[in-house]
Amino acid sequence: MDKIPVEVKLVLSDYIKNLSKEIKVKSAILFGSYAKGNWKSDSDIDIAVFSDDFANLERAEAIAFLLDHTLNYDFDIQPVAFDEDDYINYKDNPFVNEIVTTGIKIT
């Protein structure tokens, strides 16, 4: 987390805090350009949110929920939603495996 700009850290912290008022966030992992350290001024913030509350939702519904919570920020936050099984079995999904193994755990 040391290489991430302070304002991005603050936004992510606040975003997760606000999500946690409505869902139980098991884990949040920053991935993409900010995690790799090659972001630019117009880079989006890619974050994977893992919650059992997403288990009974269509992925599109869960992502819509997460996107609704990004509207209060001046940053382009691009969340993706996964349930706890996705986290536990991350090696079964190449995308989740990439996030878990190369991303930066926020919570």
PDB file of N, CA and C in Angstrom:
ATOM      1  N   MET A   1       0.821  -1.208   0.000  1.00  0.00           N
ATOM      2  CA  MET A   1       0.000   0.000   0.000  1.00  0.00           C
ATOM      3  C   MET A   1       0.857   1.260   0.000  1.00  0.00           C
ATOM      4  N   ASP A   2       2.139   1.129   0.267  1.00  0.00           N
ATOM      5  CA  ASP A   2       2.999   2.311   0.349  1.00  0.00           C
ATOM      6  C   ASP A   2       3.093   3.077  -0.962  1.00  0.00           C
ATOM      7  N   LYS A   3       3.009   2.365  -2.084  1.00  0.00           N
ATOM      8  CA  LYS A   3       3.188   3.024  -3.372  1.00  0.00           C
ATOM      9  C   LYS A   3       1.904   3.656  -3.919  1.00  0.00           C
ATOM     10  N   ILE A   4       0.809   3.469  -3.231  1.00  0.00           N
ATOM     11  CA  ILE A   4      -0.482   4.002  -3.682  1.00  0.00           C
ATOM     12  C   ILE A   4      -0.651   5.420  -3.158  1.00  0.00           C
ATOM     13  N   PRO A   5      -1.111   6.355  -4.006  1.00  0.00           N
ATOM     14  CA  PRO A   5      -1.315   7.737  -3.553  1.00  0.00           C
ATOM     15  C   PRO A   5      -2.259   7.806  -2.346  1.00  0.00           C
ATOM     16  N   VAL A   6      -1.966   8.712  -1.446  1.00  0.00           N
ATOM     17  CA  VAL A   6      -2.740   8.863  -0.215  1.00  0.00           C
ATOM     18  C   VAL A   6      -4.219   9.076  -0.516  1.00  0.00           C
ATOM     19  N   GLU A   7      -4.528   9.922  -1.506  1.00  0.00           N
ATOM     20  CA  GLU A   7      -5.937  10.197  -1.796  1.00  0.00           C
ATOM     21  C   GLU A   7      -6.674   8.946  -2.266  1.00  0.00           C
ATOM     22  N   VAL A   8      -5.998   8.053  -2.964  1.00  0.00           N
ATOM     23  CA  VAL A   8      -6.618   6.797  -3.398  1.00  0.00           C
ATOM     24  C   VAL A   8      -6.840   5.894  -2.188  1.00  0.00           C
ATOM     25  N   LYS A   9      -5.881   5.826  -1.294  1.00  0.00           N
ATOM     26  CA  LYS A   9      -6.045   5.046  -0.063  1.00  0.00           C
ATOM     27  C   LYS A   9      -7.246   5.534   0.735  1.00  0.00           C
ATOM     28  N   LEU A  10      -7.374   6.857   0.847  1.00  0.00           N
ATOM     29  CA  LEU A  10      -8.489   7.431   1.607  1.00  0.00           C
ATOM     30  C   LEU A  10      -9.830   7.122   0.952  1.00  0.00           C
ATOM     31  N   VAL A  11      -9.890   7.236  -0.364  1.00  0.00           N
ATOM     32  CA  VAL A  11     -11.127   6.935  -1.092  1.00  0.00           C
ATOM     33  C   VAL A  11     -11.504   5.470  -0.902  1.00  0.00           C
ATOM     34  N   LEU A  12     -10.542   4.574  -1.044  1.00  0.00           N
ATOM     35  CA  LEU A  12     -10.825   3.149  -0.877  1.00  0.00           C
ATOM     36  C   LEU A  12     -11.280   2.834   0.540  1.00  0.00           C
ATOM     37  N   SER A  13     -10.633   3.419   1.514  1.00  0.00           N
ATOM     38  CA  SER A  13     -11.013   3.204   2.905  1.00  0.00           C
ATOM     39  C   SER A  13     -12.448   3.658   3.152  1.00  0.00           C
ATOM     40  N   ASP A  14     -12.792   4.833   2.649  1.00  0.00           N
ATOM     41  CA  ASP A  14     -14.139   5.364   2.825  1.00  0.00           C
ATOM     42  C   ASP A  14     -15.166   4.519   2.062  1.00  0.00           C
ATOM     43  N   TYR A  15     -14.817   4.119   0.856  1.00  0.00           N
ATOM     44  CA  TYR A  15     -15.711   3.293   0.031  1.00  0.00           C
ATOM     45  C   TYR A  15     -16.030   1.980   0.749  1.00  0.00           C
ATOM     46  N   ILE A  16     -15.017   1.304   1.255  1.00  0.00           N
ATOM     47  CA  ILE A  16     -15.224   0.037   1.955  1.00  0.00           C
ATOM     48  C   ILE A  16     -16.015   0.260   3.245  1.00  0.00           C
ATOM     49  N   LYS A  17     -15.728   1.341   3.944  1.00  0.00           N
ATOM     50  CA  LYS A  17     -16.475   1.662   5.169  1.00  0.00           C
ATOM     51  C   LYS A  17     -17.957   1.835   4.852  1.00  0.00           C
ATOM     52  N   ASN A  18     -18.269   2.538   3.774  1.00  0.00           N
ATOM     53  CA  ASN A  18     -19.665   2.742   3.391  1.00  0.00           C
ATOM     54  C   ASN A  18     -20.328   1.446   2.945  1.00  0.00           C
ATOM     55  N   LEU A  19     -19.614   0.621   2.193  1.00  0.00           N
ATOM     56  CA  LEU A  19     -20.169  -0.678   1.804  1.00  0.00           C
ATOM     57  C   LEU A  19     -20.472  -1.524   3.034  1.00  0.00           C
ATOM     58  N   SER A  20     -19.588  -1.463   4.006  1.00  0.00           N
ATOM     59  CA  SER A  20     -19.712  -2.292   5.211  1.00  0.00           C
ATOM     60  C   SER A  20     -20.925  -1.939   6.059  1.00  0.00           C
ATOM     61  N   LYS A  21     -21.527  -0.810   5.798  1.00  0.00           N
ATOM     62  CA  LYS A  21     -22.767  -0.448   6.495  1.00  0.00           C
ATOM     63  C   LYS A  21     -23.940  -1.272   5.982  1.00  0.00           C
ATOM     64  N   GLU A  22     -23.799  -1.836   4.764  1.00  0.00           N
ATOM     65  CA  GLU A  22     -24.901  -2.577   4.148  1.00  0.00           C
ATOM     66  C   GLU A  22     -24.602  -4.042   3.880  1.00  0.00           C
ATOM     67  N   ILE A  23     -23.333  -4.388   3.735  1.00  0.00           N
ATOM     68  CA  ILE A  23     -22.956  -5.776   3.495  1.00  0.00           C
ATOM     69  C   ILE A  23     -21.749  -6.123   4.361  1.00  0.00           C
ATOM     70  N   LYS A  24     -21.537  -7.418   4.540  1.00  0.00           N
ATOM     71  CA  LYS A  24     -20.341  -7.869   5.255  1.00  0.00           C
ATOM     72  C   LYS A  24     -19.246  -8.098   4.216  1.00  0.00           C
ATOM     73  N   VAL A  25     -18.265  -7.221   4.212  1.00  0.00           N
ATOM     74  CA  VAL A  25     -17.148  -7.333   3.276  1.00  0.00           C
ATOM     75  C   VAL A  25     -16.126  -8.292   3.873  1.00  0.00           C
ATOM     76  N   LYS A  26     -15.959  -9.442   3.233  1.00  0.00           N
ATOM     77  CA  LYS A  26     -14.961 -10.412   3.706  1.00  0.00           C
ATOM     78  C   LYS A  26     -13.563  -9.940   3.351  1.00  0.00           C
ATOM     79  N   SER A  27     -13.428  -9.428   2.122  1.00  0.00           N
ATOM     80  CA  SER A  27     -12.124  -8.971   1.661  1.00  0.00           C
ATOM     81  C   SER A  27     -12.329  -7.972   0.533  1.00  0.00           C
ATOM     82  N   ALA A  28     -11.416  -7.027   0.435  1.00  0.00           N
ATOM     83  CA  ALA A  28     -11.389  -6.086  -0.692  1.00  0.00           C
ATOM     84  C   ALA A  28      -9.948  -6.033  -1.177  1.00  0.00           C
ATOM     85  N   ILE A  29      -9.772  -6.239  -2.482  1.00  0.00           N
ATOM     86  CA  ILE A  29      -8.428  -6.320  -3.049  1.00  0.00           C
ATOM     87  C   ILE A  29      -8.304  -5.353  -4.219  1.00  0.00           C
ATOM     88  N   LEU A  30      -7.327  -4.485  -4.132  1.00  0.00           N
ATOM     89  CA  LEU A  30      -7.008  -3.553  -5.209  1.00  0.00           C
ATOM     90  C   LEU A  30      -6.207  -4.308  -6.264  1.00  0.00           C
ATOM     91  N   PHE A  31      -6.595  -4.162  -7.529  1.00  0.00           N
ATOM     92  CA  PHE A  31      -5.843  -4.803  -8.602  1.00  0.00           C
ATOM     93  C   PHE A  31      -5.724  -3.833  -9.766  1.00  0.00           C
ATOM     94  N   GLY A  32      -5.096  -4.248 -10.823  1.00  0.00           N
ATOM     95  CA  GLY A  32      -4.936  -3.371 -11.983  1.00  0.00           C
ATOM     96  C   GLY A  32      -3.749  -2.444 -11.829  1.00  0.00           C
ATOM     97  N   SER A  33      -3.836  -1.290 -12.489  1.00  0.00           N
ATOM     98  CA  SER A  33      -2.677  -0.391 -12.581  1.00  0.00           C
ATOM     99  C   SER A  33      -2.206   0.135 -11.223  1.00  0.00           C
ATOM    100  N   TYR A  34      -3.127   0.410 -10.300  1.00  0.00           N
ATOM    101  CA  TYR A  34      -2.689   0.902  -8.986  1.00  0.00           C
ATOM    102  C   TYR A  34      -1.943  -0.184  -8.214  1.00  0.00           C
ATOM    103  N   ALA A  35      -2.389  -1.415  -8.316  1.00  0.00           N
ATOM    104  CA  ALA A  35      -1.697  -2.506  -7.630  1.00  0.00           C
ATOM    105  C   ALA A  35      -0.345  -2.793  -8.272  1.00  0.00           C
ATOM    106  N   LYS A  36      -0.272  -2.619  -9.579  1.00  0.00           N
ATOM    107  CA  LYS A  36       0.985  -2.876 -10.299  1.00  0.00           C
ATOM    108  C   LYS A  36       1.963  -1.710 -10.205  1.00  0.00           C
ATOM    109  N   GLY A  37       1.461  -0.552  -9.799  1.00  0.00           N
ATOM    110  CA  GLY A  37       2.322   0.618  -9.668  1.00  0.00           C
ATOM    111  C   GLY A  37       2.556   1.367 -10.965  1.00  0.00           C
ATOM    112  N   ASN A  38       1.717   1.128 -11.978  1.00  0.00           N
ATOM    113  CA  ASN A  38       1.900   1.818 -13.263  1.00  0.00           C
ATOM    114  C   ASN A  38       0.676   2.649 -13.662  1.00  0.00           C
ATOM    115  N   TRP A  39      -0.009   3.224 -12.661  1.00  0.00           N
ATOM    116  CA  TRP A  39      -1.184   4.041 -12.937  1.00  0.00           C
ATOM    117  C   TRP A  39      -0.773   5.363 -13.568  1.00  0.00           C
ATOM    118  N   LYS A  40      -1.766   5.980 -14.199  1.00  0.00           N
ATOM    119  CA  LYS A  40      -1.607   7.320 -14.776  1.00  0.00           C
ATOM    120  C   LYS A  40      -2.673   8.213 -14.143  1.00  0.00           C
ATOM    121  N   SER A  41      -2.645   9.481 -14.441  1.00  0.00           N
ATOM    122  CA  SER A  41      -3.595  10.412 -13.822  1.00  0.00           C
ATOM    123  C   SER A  41      -5.047  10.069 -14.155  1.00  0.00           C
ATOM    124  N   ASP A  42      -5.285   9.416 -15.297  1.00  0.00           N
ATOM    125  CA  ASP A  42      -6.657   9.082 -15.685  1.00  0.00           C
ATOM    126  C   ASP A  42      -6.994   7.602 -15.453  1.00  0.00           C
ATOM    127  N   SER A  43      -6.172   6.907 -14.680  1.00  0.00           N
ATOM    128  CA  SER A  43      -6.422   5.490 -14.410  1.00  0.00           C
ATOM    129  C   SER A  43      -7.639   5.312 -13.514  1.00  0.00           C
ATOM    130  N   ASP A  44      -8.371   4.228 -13.773  1.00  0.00           N
ATOM    131  CA  ASP A  44      -9.467   3.888 -12.876  1.00  0.00           C
ATOM    132  C   ASP A  44      -8.910   3.095 -11.696  1.00  0.00           C
ATOM    133  N   ILE A  45      -9.751   2.925 -10.695  1.00  0.00           N
ATOM    134  CA  ILE A  45      -9.370   2.170  -9.504  1.00  0.00           C
ATOM    135  C   ILE A  45     -10.134   0.856  -9.552  1.00  0.00           C
ATOM    136  N   ASP A  46      -9.412  -0.220  -9.819  1.00  0.00           N
ATOM    137  CA  ASP A  46     -10.021  -1.548  -9.896  1.00  0.00           C
ATOM    138  C   ASP A  46      -9.995  -2.188  -8.518  1.00  0.00           C
ATOM    139  N   ILE A  47     -11.168  -2.584  -8.040  1.00  0.00           N
ATOM    140  CA  ILE A  47     -11.237  -3.206  -6.719  1.00  0.00           C
ATOM    141  C   ILE A  47     -12.197  -4.392  -6.760  1.00  0.00           C
ATOM    142  N   ALA A  48     -11.731  -5.500  -6.216  1.00  0.00           N
ATOM    143  CA  ALA A  48     -12.568  -6.693  -6.084  1.00  0.00           C
ATOM    144  C   ALA A  48     -13.112  -6.729  -4.664  1.00  0.00           C
ATOM    145  N   VAL A  49     -14.417  -6.897  -4.560  1.00  0.00           N
ATOM    146  CA  VAL A  49     -15.067  -6.957  -3.250  1.00  0.00           C
ATOM    147  C   VAL A  49     -15.646  -8.360  -3.082  1.00  0.00           C
ATOM    148  N   PHE A  50     -15.231  -9.032  -2.017  1.00  0.00           N
ATOM    149  CA  PHE A  50     -15.694 -10.381  -1.724  1.00  0.00           C
ATOM    150  C   PHE A  50     -16.648 -10.316  -0.537  1.00  0.00           C
ATOM    151  N   SER A  51     -17.861 -10.863  -0.735  1.00  0.00           N
ATOM    152  CA  SER A  51     -18.863 -10.856   0.327  1.00  0.00           C
ATOM    153  C   SER A  51     -19.819 -12.023   0.137  1.00  0.00           C
ATOM    154  N   ASP A  52     -20.158 -12.695   1.229  1.00  0.00           N
ATOM    155  CA  ASP A  52     -21.172 -13.749   1.156  1.00  0.00           C
ATOM    156  C   ASP A  52     -22.536 -13.189   0.787  1.00  0.00           C
ATOM    157  N   ASP A  53     -22.729 -11.896   0.999  1.00  0.00           N
ATOM    158  CA  ASP A  53     -24.002 -11.274   0.644  1.00  0.00           C
ATOM    159  C   ASP A  53     -24.252 -11.319  -0.861  1.00  0.00           C
ATOM    160  N   PHE A  54     -23.225 -11.596  -1.649  1.00  0.00           N
ATOM    161  CA  PHE A  54     -23.380 -11.682  -3.100  1.00  0.00           C
ATOM    162  C   PHE A  54     -23.737 -13.093  -3.565  1.00  0.00           C
ATOM    163  N   ALA A  55     -23.730 -14.067  -2.662  1.00  0.00           N
ATOM    164  CA  ALA A  55     -23.911 -15.471  -3.036  1.00  0.00           C
ATOM    165  C   ALA A  55     -25.244 -15.737  -3.734  1.00  0.00           C
ATOM    166  N   ASN A  56     -26.294 -15.050  -3.331  1.00  0.00           N
ATOM    167  CA  ASN A  56     -27.618 -15.302  -3.903  1.00  0.00           C
ATOM    168  C   ASN A  56     -28.039 -14.259  -4.925  1.00  0.00           C
ATOM    169  N   LEU A  57     -27.105 -13.435  -5.351  1.00  0.00           N
ATOM    170  CA  LEU A  57     -27.392 -12.410  -6.357  1.00  0.00           C
ATOM    171  C   LEU A  57     -26.749 -12.780  -7.685  1.00  0.00           C
ATOM    172  N   GLU A  58     -27.365 -12.339  -8.759  1.00  0.00           N
ATOM    173  CA  GLU A  58     -26.692 -12.417 -10.055  1.00  0.00           C
ATOM    174  C   GLU A  58     -25.493 -11.481  -9.976  1.00  0.00           C
ATOM    175  N   ARG A  59     -24.419 -11.831 -10.658  1.00  0.00           N
ATOM    176  CA  ARG A  59     -23.213 -10.996 -10.598  1.00  0.00           C
ATOM    177  C   ARG A  59     -23.521  -9.561 -11.028  1.00  0.00           C
ATOM    178  N   ALA A  60     -24.375  -9.392 -12.036  1.00  0.00           N
ATOM    179  CA  ALA A  60     -24.724  -8.043 -12.508  1.00  0.00           C
ATOM    180  C   ALA A  60     -25.409  -7.233 -11.406  1.00  0.00           C
ATOM    181  N   GLU A  61     -26.256  -7.879 -10.612  1.00  0.00           N
ATOM    182  CA  GLU A  61     -26.920  -7.187  -9.498  1.00  0.00           C
ATOM    183  C   GLU A  61     -25.904  -6.745  -8.446  1.00  0.00           C
ATOM    184  N   ALA A  62     -24.977  -7.629  -8.143  1.00  0.00           N
ATOM    185  CA  ALA A  62     -23.957  -7.309  -7.144  1.00  0.00           C
ATOM    186  C   ALA A  62     -23.070  -6.163  -7.622  1.00  0.00           C
ATOM    187  N   ILE A  63     -22.688  -6.198  -8.893  1.00  0.00           N
ATOM    188  CA  ILE A  63     -21.854  -5.122  -9.438  1.00  0.00           C
ATOM    189  C   ILE A  63     -22.636  -3.813  -9.462  1.00  0.00           C
ATOM    190  N   ALA A  64     -23.920  -3.871  -9.799  1.00  0.00           N
ATOM    191  CA  ALA A  64     -24.748  -2.657  -9.792  1.00  0.00           C
ATOM    192  C   ALA A  64     -24.792  -2.053  -8.386  1.00  0.00           C
ATOM    193  N   PHE A  65     -24.933  -2.904  -7.379  1.00  0.00           N
ATOM    194  CA  PHE A  65     -24.911  -2.436  -5.990  1.00  0.00           C
ATOM    195  C   PHE A  65     -23.593  -1.721  -5.690  1.00  0.00           C
ATOM    196  N   LEU A  66     -22.482  -2.350  -6.076  1.00  0.00           N
ATOM    197  CA  LEU A  66     -21.166  -1.752  -5.823  1.00  0.00           C
ATOM    198  C   LEU A  66     -20.985  -0.450  -6.591  1.00  0.00           C
ATOM    199  N   LEU A  67     -21.443  -0.422  -7.830  1.00  0.00           N
ATOM    200  CA  LEU A  67     -21.315   0.794  -8.646  1.00  0.00           C
ATOM    201  C   LEU A  67     -22.137   1.944  -8.077  1.00  0.00           C
ATOM    202  N   ASP A  68     -23.330   1.642  -7.572  1.00  0.00           N
ATOM    203  CA  ASP A  68     -24.160   2.693  -6.960  1.00  0.00           C
ATOM    204  C   ASP A  68     -23.403   3.413  -5.845  1.00  0.00           C
ATOM    205  N   HIS A  69     -22.565   2.687  -5.144  1.00  0.00           N
ATOM    206  CA  HIS A  69     -21.810   3.265  -4.028  1.00  0.00           C
ATOM    207  C   HIS A  69     -20.569   4.031  -4.476  1.00  0.00           C
ATOM    208  N   THR A  70     -20.270   4.016  -5.763  1.00  0.00           N
ATOM    209  CA  THR A  70     -19.109   4.773  -6.266  1.00  0.00           C
ATOM    210  C   THR A  70     -19.481   6.192  -6.664  1.00  0.00           C
ATOM    211  N   LEU A  71     -20.760   6.483  -6.746  1.00  0.00           N
ATOM    212  CA  LEU A  71     -21.221   7.754  -7.310  1.00  0.00           C
ATOM    213  C   LEU A  71     -20.839   8.977  -6.483  1.00  0.00           C
ATOM    214  N   ASN A  72     -20.536   8.790  -5.221  1.00  0.00           N
ATOM    215  CA  ASN A  72     -20.188   9.923  -4.354  1.00  0.00           C
ATOM    216  C   ASN A  72     -18.716  10.303  -4.410  1.00  0.00           C
ATOM    217  N   TYR A  73     -17.967   9.658  -5.282  1.00  0.00           N
ATOM    218  CA  TYR A  73     -16.521   9.884  -5.329  1.00  0.00           C
ATOM    219  C   TYR A  73     -16.109  10.505  -6.655  1.00  0.00           C
ATOM    220  N   ASP A  74     -15.071  11.316  -6.611  1.00  0.00           N
ATOM    221  CA  ASP A  74     -14.538  11.953  -7.813  1.00  0.00           C
ATOM    222  C   ASP A  74     -13.511  11.075  -8.518  1.00  0.00           C
ATOM    223  N   PHE A  75     -13.432   9.828  -8.134  1.00  0.00           N
ATOM    224  CA  PHE A  75     -12.515   8.872  -8.746  1.00  0.00           C
ATOM    225  C   PHE A  75     -13.326   7.854  -9.539  1.00  0.00           C
ATOM    226  N   ASP A  76     -12.718   7.299 -10.561  1.00  0.00           N
ATOM    227  CA  ASP A  76     -13.359   6.275 -11.381  1.00  0.00           C
ATOM    228  C   ASP A  76     -13.111   4.912 -10.738  1.00  0.00           C
ATOM    229  N   ILE A  77     -13.976   4.556  -9.799  1.00  0.00           N
ATOM    230  CA  ILE A  77     -13.859   3.276  -9.103  1.00  0.00           C
ATOM    231  C   ILE A  77     -14.604   2.226  -9.919  1.00  0.00           C
ATOM    232  N   GLN A  78     -13.912   1.141 -10.242  1.00  0.00           N
ATOM    233  CA  GLN A  78     -14.483   0.051 -11.030  1.00  0.00           C
ATOM    234  C   GLN A  78     -14.478  -1.231 -10.199  1.00  0.00           C
ATOM    235  N   PRO A  79     -15.553  -1.459  -9.444  1.00  0.00           N
ATOM    236  CA  PRO A  79     -15.597  -2.640  -8.584  1.00  0.00           C
ATOM    237  C   PRO A  79     -16.074  -3.887  -9.327  1.00  0.00           C
ATOM    238  N   VAL A  80     -15.618  -5.029  -8.853  1.00  0.00           N
ATOM    239  CA  VAL A  80     -16.150  -6.316  -9.295  1.00  0.00           C
ATOM    240  C   VAL A  80     -16.550  -7.084  -8.044  1.00  0.00           C
ATOM    241  N   ALA A  81     -17.610  -7.871  -8.161  1.00  0.00           N
ATOM    242  CA  ALA A  81     -18.186  -8.554  -7.008  1.00  0.00           C
ATOM    243  C   ALA A  81     -17.939 -10.057  -7.077  1.00  0.00           C
ATOM    244  N   PHE A  82     -17.583 -10.609  -5.931  1.00  0.00           N
ATOM    245  CA  PHE A  82     -17.393 -12.050  -5.805  1.00  0.00           C
ATOM    246  C   PHE A  82     -17.933 -12.484  -4.451  1.00  0.00           C
ATOM    247  N   ASP A  83     -18.359 -13.757  -4.365  1.00  0.00           N
ATOM    248  CA  ASP A  83     -18.789 -14.255  -3.061  1.00  0.00           C
ATOM    249  C   ASP A  83     -17.630 -14.992  -2.383  1.00  0.00           C
ATOM    250  N   GLU A  84     -17.882 -15.467  -1.183  1.00  0.00           N
ATOM    251  CA  GLU A  84     -16.811 -16.082  -0.397  1.00  0.00           C
ATOM    252  C   GLU A  84     -16.271 -17.342  -1.063  1.00  0.00           C
ATOM    253  N   ASP A  85     -17.129 -18.106  -1.739  1.00  0.00           N
ATOM    254  CA  ASP A  85     -16.652 -19.301  -2.443  1.00  0.00           C
ATOM    255  C   ASP A  85     -15.637 -18.944  -3.522  1.00  0.00           C
ATOM    256  N   ASP A  86     -15.864 -17.827  -4.212  1.00  0.00           N
ATOM    257  CA  ASP A  86     -14.896 -17.382  -5.219  1.00  0.00           C
ATOM    258  C   ASP A  86     -13.539 -17.129  -4.574  1.00  0.00           C
ATOM    259  N   TYR A  87     -13.570 -16.568  -3.370  1.00  0.00           N
ATOM    260  CA  TYR A  87     -12.323 -16.268  -2.652  1.00  0.00           C
ATOM    261  C   TYR A  87     -11.628 -17.556  -2.209  1.00  0.00           C
ATOM    262  N   ILE A  88     -12.394 -18.457  -1.636  1.00  0.00           N
ATOM    263  CA  ILE A  88     -11.834 -19.718  -1.138  1.00  0.00           C
ATOM    264  C   ILE A  88     -11.263 -20.554  -2.282  1.00  0.00           C
ATOM    265  N   ASN A  89     -11.972 -20.579  -3.408  1.00  0.00           N
ATOM    266  CA  ASN A  89     -11.575 -21.397  -4.560  1.00  0.00           C
ATOM    267  C   ASN A  89     -10.937 -20.562  -5.660  1.00  0.00           C
ATOM    268  N   TYR A  90     -10.188 -19.538  -5.280  1.00  0.00           N
ATOM    269  CA  TYR A  90      -9.658 -18.590  -6.257  1.00  0.00           C
ATOM    270  C   TYR A  90      -8.813 -19.239  -7.348  1.00  0.00           C
ATOM    271  N   LYS A  91      -8.179 -20.357  -7.061  1.00  0.00           N
ATOM    272  CA  LYS A  91      -7.330 -21.002  -8.067  1.00  0.00           C
ATOM    273  C   LYS A  91      -8.147 -21.580  -9.220  1.00  0.00           C
ATOM    274  N   ASP A  92      -9.454 -21.761  -9.017  1.00  0.00           N
ATOM    275  CA  ASP A  92     -10.325 -22.308 -10.059  1.00  0.00           C
ATOM    276  C   ASP A  92     -10.707 -21.278 -11.114  1.00  0.00           C
ATOM    277  N   ASN A  93     -10.510 -20.011 -10.833  1.00  0.00           N
ATOM    278  CA  ASN A  93     -10.901 -18.938 -11.752  1.00  0.00           C
ATOM    279  C   ASN A  93      -9.665 -18.086 -12.044  1.00  0.00           C
ATOM    280  N   PRO A  94      -9.194 -18.081 -13.297  1.00  0.00           N
ATOM    281  CA  PRO A  94      -7.965 -17.334 -13.615  1.00  0.00           C
ATOM    282  C   PRO A  94      -8.031 -15.851 -13.241  1.00  0.00           C
ATOM    283  N   PHE A  95      -9.192 -15.214 -13.423  1.00  0.00           N
ATOM    284  CA  PHE A  95      -9.331 -13.796 -13.094  1.00  0.00           C
ATOM    285  C   PHE A  95      -9.207 -13.578 -11.586  1.00  0.00           C
ATOM    286  N   VAL A  96      -9.924 -14.376 -10.805  1.00  0.00           N
ATOM    287  CA  VAL A  96      -9.864 -14.253  -9.344  1.00  0.00           C
ATOM    288  C   VAL A  96      -8.466 -14.636  -8.846  1.00  0.00           C
ATOM    289  N   ASN A  97      -7.875 -15.648  -9.443  1.00  0.00           N
ATOM    290  CA  ASN A  97      -6.517 -16.053  -9.072  1.00  0.00           C
ATOM    291  C   ASN A  97      -5.539 -14.895  -9.265  1.00  0.00           C
ATOM    292  N   GLU A  98      -5.657 -14.202 -10.390  1.00  0.00           N
ATOM    293  CA  GLU A  98      -4.794 -13.037 -10.667  1.00  0.00           C
ATOM    294  C   GLU A  98      -4.995 -11.946  -9.611  1.00  0.00           C
ATOM    295  N   ILE A  99      -6.256 -11.679  -9.279  1.00  0.00           N
ATOM    296  CA  ILE A  99      -6.567 -10.647  -8.279  1.00  0.00           C
ATOM    297  C   ILE A  99      -5.974 -11.010  -6.921  1.00  0.00           C
ATOM    298  N   VAL A 100      -6.231 -12.242  -6.482  1.00  0.00           N
ATOM    299  CA  VAL A 100      -5.800 -12.669  -5.149  1.00  0.00           C
ATOM    300  C   VAL A 100      -4.277 -12.764  -5.048  1.00  0.00           C
ATOM    301  N   THR A 101      -3.628 -13.234  -6.106  1.00  0.00           N
ATOM    302  CA  THR A 101      -2.181 -13.456  -6.017  1.00  0.00           C
ATOM    303  C   THR A 101      -1.347 -12.219  -6.327  1.00  0.00           C
ATOM    304  N   THR A 102      -1.888 -11.269  -7.097  1.00  0.00           N
ATOM    305  CA  THR A 102      -1.078 -10.096  -7.460  1.00  0.00           C
ATOM    306  C   THR A 102      -1.639  -8.780  -6.938  1.00  0.00           C
ATOM    307  N   GLY A 103      -2.877  -8.809  -6.434  1.00  0.00           N
ATOM    308  CA  GLY A 103      -3.489  -7.580  -5.940  1.00  0.00           C
ATOM    309  C   GLY A 103      -2.989  -7.192  -4.556  1.00  0.00           C
ATOM    310  N   ILE A 104      -3.466  -6.055  -4.096  1.00  0.00           N
ATOM    311  CA  ILE A 104      -3.108  -5.540  -2.772  1.00  0.00           C
ATOM    312  C   ILE A 104      -4.350  -5.598  -1.892  1.00  0.00           C
ATOM    313  N   LYS A 105      -4.264  -6.374  -0.816  1.00  0.00           N
ATOM    314  CA  LYS A 105      -5.410  -6.543   0.073  1.00  0.00           C
ATOM    315  C   LYS A 105      -5.658  -5.253   0.849  1.00  0.00           C
ATOM    316  N   ILE A 106      -6.872  -4.744   0.740  1.00  0.00           N
ATOM    317  CA  ILE A 106      -7.281  -3.526   1.445  1.00  0.00           C
ATOM    318  C   ILE A 106      -7.897  -3.908   2.789  1.00  0.00           C
ATOM    319  N   THR A 107      -8.765  -4.924   2.771  1.00  0.00           N
ATOM    320  CA  THR A 107      -9.366  -5.451   4.008  1.00  0.00           C
ATOM    321  C   THR A 107      -9.352  -6.960   3.963  1.00  0.00           C
TER     322      THR A 107
END
